[in-house]
Amino acid sequence: ISTDNAKNTVYLQMDSLKPEDTAVYYCWM
């Protein structure tokens, strides 16, 4: 997880994905 504060943006880099990672992903603040 990382942020770009200038852009008010948060990122989630997901590597080595597995079938069990299948889901709806929700951003939260």
PDB file of all heavy atoms in Angstrom:
ATOM      1  N   ILE A   1       0.848  -1.188   0.000  1.00  0.00           N
ATOM      2  CA  ILE A   1       0.000   0.000   0.000  1.00  0.00           C
ATOM      3  C   ILE A   1       0.886   1.241   0.000  1.00  0.00           C
ATOM      4  O   ILE A   1       1.939   1.264   0.641  1.00  0.00           O
ATOM      5  CB  ILE A   1      -0.976   0.010   1.202  1.00  0.00           C
ATOM      6  CG1 ILE A   1      -2.031   1.109   1.036  1.00  0.00           C
ATOM      7  CG2 ILE A   1      -0.230   0.127   2.517  1.00  0.00           C
ATOM      8  CD1 ILE A   1      -3.189   0.998   2.033  1.00  0.00           C
ATOM      9  N   SER A   2       0.470   2.245  -0.750  1.00  0.00           N
ATOM     10  CA  SER A   2       1.231   3.491  -0.812  1.00  0.00           C
ATOM     11  C   SER A   2       0.287   4.640  -1.126  1.00  0.00           C
ATOM     12  O   SER A   2      -0.863   4.419  -1.507  1.00  0.00           O
ATOM     13  CB  SER A   2       2.335   3.404  -1.873  1.00  0.00           C
ATOM     14  OG  SER A   2       1.770   3.205  -3.154  1.00  0.00           O
ATOM     15  N   THR A   3       0.792   5.844  -0.953  1.00  0.00           N
ATOM     16  CA  THR A   3      -0.035   7.019  -1.221  1.00  0.00           C
ATOM     17  C   THR A   3       0.734   8.045  -2.044  1.00  0.00           C
ATOM     18  O   THR A   3       1.969   8.085  -2.032  1.00  0.00           O
ATOM     19  CB  THR A   3      -0.500   7.700   0.078  1.00  0.00           C
ATOM     20  OG1 THR A   3       0.650   8.053   0.849  1.00  0.00           O
ATOM     21  CG2 THR A   3      -1.403   6.810   0.891  1.00  0.00           C
ATOM     22  N   ASP A   4      -0.008   8.857  -2.747  1.00  0.00           N
ATOM     23  CA  ASP A   4       0.502  10.054  -3.399  1.00  0.00           C
ATOM     24  C   ASP A   4      -0.315  11.197  -2.811  1.00  0.00           C
ATOM     25  O   ASP A   4      -1.441  11.450  -3.242  1.00  0.00           O
ATOM     26  CB  ASP A   4       0.337   9.969  -4.915  1.00  0.00           C
ATOM     27  CG  ASP A   4       0.931  11.171  -5.634  1.00  0.00           C
ATOM     28  OD1 ASP A   4       1.033  12.257  -5.010  1.00  0.00           O
ATOM     29  OD2 ASP A   4       1.282  11.039  -6.811  1.00  0.00           O
ATOM     30  N   ASN A   5       0.240  11.849  -1.801  1.00  0.00           N
ATOM     31  CA  ASN A   5      -0.532  12.859  -1.082  1.00  0.00           C
ATOM     32  C   ASN A   5      -0.902  14.037  -1.976  1.00  0.00           C
ATOM     33  O   ASN A   5      -1.956  14.649  -1.794  1.00  0.00           O
ATOM     34  CB  ASN A   5       0.260  13.335   0.136  1.00  0.00           C
ATOM     35  CG  ASN A   5       0.391  12.250   1.184  1.00  0.00           C
ATOM     36  OD1 ASN A   5      -0.482  11.410   1.325  1.00  0.00           O
ATOM     37  ND2 ASN A   5       1.490  12.265   1.913  1.00  0.00           N
ATOM     38  N   ALA A   6      -0.050  14.347  -2.924  1.00  0.00           N
ATOM     39  CA  ALA A   6      -0.344  15.466  -3.822  1.00  0.00           C
ATOM     40  C   ALA A   6      -1.587  15.190  -4.663  1.00  0.00           C
ATOM     41  O   ALA A   6      -2.292  16.116  -5.064  1.00  0.00           O
ATOM     42  CB  ALA A   6       0.846  15.747  -4.730  1.00  0.00           C
ATOM     43  N   LYS A   7      -1.853  13.905  -4.915  1.00  0.00           N
ATOM     44  CA  LYS A   7      -3.007  13.524  -5.726  1.00  0.00           C
ATOM     45  C   LYS A   7      -4.152  12.978  -4.878  1.00  0.00           C
ATOM     46  O   LYS A   7      -5.166  12.545  -5.426  1.00  0.00           O
ATOM     47  CB  LYS A   7      -2.592  12.468  -6.757  1.00  0.00           C
ATOM     48  CG  LYS A   7      -1.563  12.953  -7.763  1.00  0.00           C
ATOM     49  CD  LYS A   7      -1.219  11.847  -8.754  1.00  0.00           C
ATOM     50  CE  LYS A   7      -0.203  12.317  -9.782  1.00  0.00           C
ATOM     51  NZ  LYS A   7       0.156  11.245 -10.736  1.00  0.00           N
ATOM     52  N   ASN A   8      -3.986  12.979  -3.545  1.00  0.00           N
ATOM     53  CA  ASN A   8      -5.010  12.399  -2.650  1.00  0.00           C
ATOM     54  C   ASN A   8      -5.378  10.987  -3.091  1.00  0.00           C
ATOM     55  O   ASN A   8      -6.563  10.623  -3.134  1.00  0.00           O
ATOM     56  CB  ASN A   8      -6.263  13.275  -2.610  1.00  0.00           C
ATOM     57  CG  ASN A   8      -6.045  14.555  -1.826  1.00  0.00           C
ATOM     58  OD1 ASN A   8      -5.244  14.605  -0.908  1.00  0.00           O
ATOM     59  ND2 ASN A   8      -6.750  15.598  -2.200  1.00  0.00           N
ATOM     60  N   THR A   9      -4.371  10.221  -3.435  1.00  0.00           N
ATOM     61  CA  THR A   9      -4.603   8.888  -3.991  1.00  0.00           C
ATOM     62  C   THR A   9      -3.860   7.843  -3.175  1.00  0.00           C
ATOM     63  O   THR A   9      -2.710   8.048  -2.779  1.00  0.00           O
ATOM     64  CB  THR A   9      -4.154   8.832  -5.456  1.00  0.00           C
ATOM     65  OG1 THR A   9      -4.921   9.771  -6.213  1.00  0.00           O
ATOM     66  CG2 THR A   9      -4.356   7.443  -6.038  1.00  0.00           C
ATOM     67  N   VAL A  10      -4.530   6.719  -2.947  1.00  0.00           N
ATOM     68  CA  VAL A  10      -3.905   5.570  -2.303  1.00  0.00           C
ATOM     69  C   VAL A  10      -3.896   4.430  -3.313  1.00  0.00           C
ATOM     70  O   VAL A  10      -4.834   4.259  -4.097  1.00  0.00           O
ATOM     71  CB  VAL A  10      -4.657   5.162  -1.014  1.00  0.00           C
ATOM     72  CG1 VAL A  10      -6.094   4.763  -1.294  1.00  0.00           C
ATOM     73  CG2 VAL A  10      -3.926   4.056  -0.284  1.00  0.00           C
ATOM     74  N   TYR A  11      -2.810   3.680  -3.310  1.00  0.00           N
ATOM     75  CA  TYR A  11      -2.627   2.576  -4.245  1.00  0.00           C
ATOM     76  C   TYR A  11      -2.505   1.254  -3.477  1.00  0.00           C
ATOM     77  O   TYR A  11      -2.026   1.226  -2.345  1.00  0.00           O
ATOM     78  CB  TYR A  11      -1.362   2.775  -5.074  1.00  0.00           C
ATOM     79  CG  TYR A  11      -1.319   4.072  -5.836  1.00  0.00           C
ATOM     80  CD1 TYR A  11      -0.635   5.170  -5.328  1.00  0.00           C
ATOM     81  CD2 TYR A  11      -1.961   4.205  -7.066  1.00  0.00           C
ATOM     82  CE1 TYR A  11      -0.594   6.368  -6.019  1.00  0.00           C
ATOM     83  CE2 TYR A  11      -1.916   5.407  -7.768  1.00  0.00           C
ATOM     84  CZ  TYR A  11      -1.233   6.478  -7.236  1.00  0.00           C
ATOM     85  OH  TYR A  11      -1.196   7.678  -7.927  1.00  0.00           O
ATOM     86  N   LEU A  12      -2.894   0.189  -4.138  1.00  0.00           N
ATOM     87  CA  LEU A  12      -2.655  -1.149  -3.622  1.00  0.00           C
ATOM     88  C   LEU A  12      -2.031  -1.960  -4.742  1.00  0.00           C
ATOM     89  O   LEU A  12      -2.714  -2.328  -5.707  1.00  0.00           O
ATOM     90  CB  LEU A  12      -3.942  -1.811  -3.129  1.00  0.00           C
ATOM     91  CG  LEU A  12      -3.740  -3.157  -2.443  1.00  0.00           C
ATOM     92  CD1 LEU A  12      -2.993  -2.972  -1.118  1.00  0.00           C
ATOM     93  CD2 LEU A  12      -5.075  -3.862  -2.198  1.00  0.00           C
ATOM     94  N   GLN A  13      -0.734  -2.199  -4.639  1.00  0.00           N
ATOM     95  CA  GLN A  13      -0.033  -3.039  -5.592  1.00  0.00           C
ATOM     96  C   GLN A  13      -0.185  -4.480  -5.135  1.00  0.00           C
ATOM     97  O   GLN A  13       0.236  -4.825  -4.026  1.00  0.00           O
ATOM     98  CB  GLN A  13       1.443  -2.650  -5.667  1.00  0.00           C
ATOM     99  CG  GLN A  13       2.264  -3.526  -6.596  1.00  0.00           C
ATOM    100  CD  GLN A  13       1.865  -3.378  -8.056  1.00  0.00           C
ATOM    101  OE1 GLN A  13       1.587  -2.281  -8.507  1.00  0.00           O
ATOM    102  NE2 GLN A  13       1.833  -4.483  -8.779  1.00  0.00           N
ATOM    103  N   MET A  14      -0.765  -5.306  -5.988  1.00  0.00           N
ATOM    104  CA  MET A  14      -1.041  -6.690  -5.638  1.00  0.00           C
ATOM    105  C   MET A  14      -0.226  -7.594  -6.552  1.00  0.00           C
ATOM    106  O   MET A  14      -0.446  -7.610  -7.768  1.00  0.00           O
ATOM    107  CB  MET A  14      -2.540  -6.980  -5.781  1.00  0.00           C
ATOM    108  CG  MET A  14      -3.422  -6.040  -4.976  1.00  0.00           C
ATOM    109  SD  MET A  14      -5.169  -6.472  -5.022  1.00  0.00           S
ATOM    110  CE  MET A  14      -5.525  -6.188  -6.753  1.00  0.00           C
ATOM    111  N   ASP A  15       0.712  -8.308  -5.981  1.00  0.00           N
ATOM    112  CA  ASP A  15       1.567  -9.231  -6.725  1.00  0.00           C
ATOM    113  C   ASP A  15       1.311 -10.660  -6.258  1.00  0.00           C
ATOM    114  O   ASP A  15       0.733 -10.887  -5.196  1.00  0.00           O
ATOM    115  CB  ASP A  15       3.038  -8.860  -6.513  1.00  0.00           C
ATOM    116  CG  ASP A  15       3.366  -7.466  -7.017  1.00  0.00           C
ATOM    117  OD1 ASP A  15       2.893  -7.104  -8.113  1.00  0.00           O
ATOM    118  OD2 ASP A  15       4.106  -6.739  -6.315  1.00  0.00           O
ATOM    119  N   SER A  16       1.773 -11.596  -7.044  1.00  0.00           N
ATOM    120  CA  SER A  16       1.624 -13.028  -6.715  1.00  0.00           C
ATOM    121  C   SER A  16       0.182 -13.353  -6.335  1.00  0.00           C
ATOM    122  O   SER A  16      -0.092 -14.006  -5.331  1.00  0.00           O
ATOM    123  CB  SER A  16       2.569 -13.405  -5.565  1.00  0.00           C
ATOM    124  OG  SER A  16       3.905 -13.132  -5.901  1.00  0.00           O
ATOM    125  N   LEU A  17      -0.733 -12.889  -7.143  1.00  0.00           N
ATOM    126  CA  LEU A  17      -2.150 -13.064  -6.833  1.00  0.00           C
ATOM    127  C   LEU A  17      -2.550 -14.534  -6.863  1.00  0.00           C
ATOM    128  O   LEU A  17      -2.037 -15.320  -7.668  1.00  0.00           O
ATOM    129  CB  LEU A  17      -2.997 -12.248  -7.804  1.00  0.00           C
ATOM    130  CG  LEU A  17      -3.039 -10.746  -7.490  1.00  0.00           C
ATOM    131  CD1 LEU A  17      -3.479  -9.944  -8.701  1.00  0.00           C
ATOM    132  CD2 LEU A  17      -3.959 -10.482  -6.309  1.00  0.00           C
ATOM    133  N   LYS A  18      -3.480 -14.849  -5.964  1.00  0.00           N
ATOM    134  CA  LYS A  18      -3.986 -16.208  -5.827  1.00  0.00           C
ATOM    135  C   LYS A  18      -5.494 -16.218  -6.096  1.00  0.00           C
ATOM    136  O   LYS A  18      -6.153 -15.190  -5.926  1.00  0.00           O
ATOM    137  CB  LYS A  18      -3.738 -16.716  -4.403  1.00  0.00           C
ATOM    138  CG  LYS A  18      -2.293 -16.661  -3.956  1.00  0.00           C
ATOM    139  CD  LYS A  18      -2.179 -17.069  -2.496  1.00  0.00           C
ATOM    140  CE  LYS A  18      -0.751 -16.986  -1.997  1.00  0.00           C
ATOM    141  NZ  LYS A  18      -0.643 -17.388  -0.575  1.00  0.00           N
ATOM    142  N   PRO A  19      -6.053 -17.356  -6.460  1.00  0.00           N
ATOM    143  CA  PRO A  19      -7.509 -17.416  -6.659  1.00  0.00           C
ATOM    144  C   PRO A  19      -8.292 -16.953  -5.437  1.00  0.00           C
ATOM    145  O   PRO A  19      -9.364 -16.332  -5.587  1.00  0.00           O
ATOM    146  CB  PRO A  19      -7.747 -18.898  -6.961  1.00  0.00           C
ATOM    147  CG  PRO A  19      -6.473 -19.356  -7.594  1.00  0.00           C
ATOM    148  CD  PRO A  19      -5.395 -18.610  -6.863  1.00  0.00           C
ATOM    149  N   GLU A  20      -7.770 -17.205  -4.255  1.00  0.00           N
ATOM    150  CA  GLU A  20      -8.474 -16.779  -3.036  1.00  0.00           C
ATOM    151  C   GLU A  20      -8.447 -15.275  -2.806  1.00  0.00           C
ATOM    152  O   GLU A  20      -9.098 -14.776  -1.884  1.00  0.00           O
ATOM    153  CB  GLU A  20      -7.921 -17.506  -1.805  1.00  0.00           C
ATOM    154  CG  GLU A  20      -6.418 -17.442  -1.647  1.00  0.00           C
ATOM    155  CD  GLU A  20      -5.727 -18.680  -2.207  1.00  0.00           C
ATOM    156  OE1 GLU A  20      -6.076 -19.132  -3.326  1.00  0.00           O
ATOM    157  OE2 GLU A  20      -4.798 -19.185  -1.520  1.00  0.00           O
ATOM    158  N   ASP A  21      -7.703 -14.547  -3.635  1.00  0.00           N
ATOM    159  CA  ASP A  21      -7.737 -13.086  -3.579  1.00  0.00           C
ATOM    160  C   ASP A  21      -8.939 -12.521  -4.338  1.00  0.00           C
ATOM    161  O   ASP A  21      -9.184 -11.305  -4.294  1.00  0.00           O
ATOM    162  CB  ASP A  21      -6.455 -12.486  -4.158  1.00  0.00           C
ATOM    163  CG  ASP A  21      -5.225 -12.810  -3.336  1.00  0.00           C
ATOM    164  OD1 ASP A  21      -5.311 -12.751  -2.093  1.00  0.00           O
ATOM    165  OD2 ASP A  21      -4.179 -13.126  -3.941  1.00  0.00           O
ATOM    166  N   THR A  22      -9.665 -13.374  -5.023  1.00  0.00           N
ATOM    167  CA  THR A  22     -10.839 -12.925  -5.761  1.00  0.00           C
ATOM    168  C   THR A  22     -11.874 -12.343  -4.810  1.00  0.00           C
ATOM    169  O   THR A  22     -12.284 -12.990  -3.846  1.00  0.00           O
ATOM    170  CB  THR A  22     -11.457 -14.101  -6.545  1.00  0.00           C
ATOM    171  OG1 THR A  22     -10.527 -14.532  -7.542  1.00  0.00           O
ATOM    172  CG2 THR A  22     -12.755 -13.674  -7.226  1.00  0.00           C
ATOM    173  N   ALA A  23     -12.267 -11.099  -5.083  1.00  0.00           N
ATOM    174  CA  ALA A  23     -13.209 -10.397  -4.211  1.00  0.00           C
ATOM    175  C   ALA A  23     -13.509  -9.033  -4.812  1.00  0.00           C
ATOM    176  O   ALA A  23     -12.862  -8.611  -5.781  1.00  0.00           O
ATOM    177  CB  ALA A  23     -12.621 -10.232  -2.817  1.00  0.00           C
ATOM    178  N   VAL A  24     -14.483  -8.364  -4.211  1.00  0.00           N
ATOM    179  CA  VAL A  24     -14.675  -6.945  -4.485  1.00  0.00           C
ATOM    180  C   VAL A  24     -13.819  -6.180  -3.480  1.00  0.00           C
ATOM    181  O   VAL A  24     -13.911  -6.426  -2.273  1.00  0.00           O
ATOM    182  CB  VAL A  24     -16.150  -6.530  -4.366  1.00  0.00           C
ATOM    183  CG1 VAL A  24     -16.299  -5.032  -4.595  1.00  0.00           C
ATOM    184  CG2 VAL A  24     -17.006  -7.305  -5.362  1.00  0.00           C
ATOM    185  N   TYR A  25     -12.990  -5.296  -3.985  1.00  0.00           N
ATOM    186  CA  TYR A  25     -12.097  -4.512  -3.144  1.00  0.00           C
ATOM    187  C   TYR A  25     -12.679  -3.110  -2.973  1.00  0.00           C
ATOM    188  O   TYR A  25     -13.023  -2.444  -3.961  1.00  0.00           O
ATOM    189  CB  TYR A  25     -10.699  -4.460  -3.771  1.00  0.00           C
ATOM    190  CG  TYR A  25      -9.944  -5.740  -3.603  1.00  0.00           C
ATOM    191  CD1 TYR A  25     -10.316  -6.891  -4.302  1.00  0.00           C
ATOM    192  CD2 TYR A  25      -8.862  -5.825  -2.730  1.00  0.00           C
ATOM    193  CE1 TYR A  25      -9.638  -8.085  -4.137  1.00  0.00           C
ATOM    194  CE2 TYR A  25      -8.166  -7.011  -2.557  1.00  0.00           C
ATOM    195  CZ  TYR A  25      -8.563  -8.140  -3.262  1.00  0.00           C
ATOM    196  OH  TYR A  25      -7.884  -9.319  -3.091  1.00  0.00           O
ATOM    197  N   TYR A  26     -12.745  -2.684  -1.710  1.00  0.00           N
ATOM    198  CA  TYR A  26     -13.338  -1.391  -1.374  1.00  0.00           C
ATOM    199  C   TYR A  26     -12.277  -0.470  -0.786  1.00  0.00           C
ATOM    200  O   TYR A  26     -11.560  -0.849   0.151  1.00  0.00           O
ATOM    201  CB  TYR A  26     -14.463  -1.552  -0.356  1.00  0.00           C
ATOM    202  CG  TYR A  26     -15.651  -2.324  -0.861  1.00  0.00           C
ATOM    203  CD1 TYR A  26     -15.730  -3.698  -0.693  1.00  0.00           C
ATOM    204  CD2 TYR A  26     -16.691  -1.668  -1.501  1.00  0.00           C
ATOM    205  CE1 TYR A  26     -16.821  -4.410  -1.151  1.00  0.00           C
ATOM    206  CE2 TYR A  26     -17.794  -2.370  -1.966  1.00  0.00           C
ATOM    207  CZ  TYR A  26     -17.844  -3.737  -1.787  1.00  0.00           C
ATOM    208  OH  TYR A  26     -18.925  -4.449  -2.244  1.00  0.00           O
ATOM    209  N   CYS A  27     -12.216   0.731  -1.306  1.00  0.00           N
ATOM    210  CA  CYS A  27     -11.376   1.754  -0.712  1.00  0.00           C
ATOM    211  C   CYS A  27     -12.079   2.307   0.519  1.00  0.00           C
ATOM    212  O   CYS A  27     -13.309   2.429   0.544  1.00  0.00           O
ATOM    213  CB  CYS A  27     -11.142   2.865  -1.739  1.00  0.00           C
ATOM    214  SG  CYS A  27     -10.101   4.211  -1.162  1.00  0.00           S
ATOM    215  N   TRP A  28     -11.314   2.658   1.534  1.00  0.00           N
ATOM    216  CA  TRP A  28     -11.859   3.133   2.806  1.00  0.00           C
ATOM    217  C   TRP A  28     -11.004   4.285   3.317  1.00  0.00           C
ATOM    218  O   TRP A  28      -9.788   4.297   3.169  1.00  0.00           O
ATOM    219  CB  TRP A  28     -11.857   1.979   3.809  1.00  0.00           C
ATOM    220  CG  TRP A  28     -11.915   2.380   5.240  1.00  0.00           C
ATOM    221  CD1 TRP A  28     -12.992   2.838   5.938  1.00  0.00           C
ATOM    222  CD2 TRP A  28     -10.823   2.367   6.174  1.00  0.00           C
ATOM    223  NE1 TRP A  28     -12.646   3.091   7.234  1.00  0.00           N
ATOM    224  CE2 TRP A  28     -11.320   2.822   7.416  1.00  0.00           C
ATOM    225  CE3 TRP A  28      -9.487   2.022   6.084  1.00  0.00           C
ATOM    226  CZ2 TRP A  28     -10.526   2.922   8.551  1.00  0.00           C
ATOM    227  CZ3 TRP A  28      -8.694   2.110   7.206  1.00  0.00           C
ATOM    228  CH2 TRP A  28      -9.222   2.565   8.421  1.00  0.00           C
ATOM    229  N   MET A  29     -11.701   5.242   3.945  1.00  0.00           N
ATOM    230  CA  MET A  29     -11.004   6.338   4.586  1.00  0.00           C
ATOM    231  C   MET A  29     -11.665   6.624   5.938  1.00  0.00           C
ATOM    232  O   MET A  29     -12.896   6.653   6.034  1.00  0.00           O
ATOM    233  CB  MET A  29     -11.051   7.615   3.735  1.00  0.00           C
ATOM    234  CG  MET A  29     -10.453   8.831   4.454  1.00  0.00           C
ATOM    235  SD  MET A  29     -10.663  10.383   3.560  1.00  0.00           S
ATOM    236  CE  MET A  29      -9.401  10.195   2.323  1.00  0.00           C
TER     237      MET A  29
END
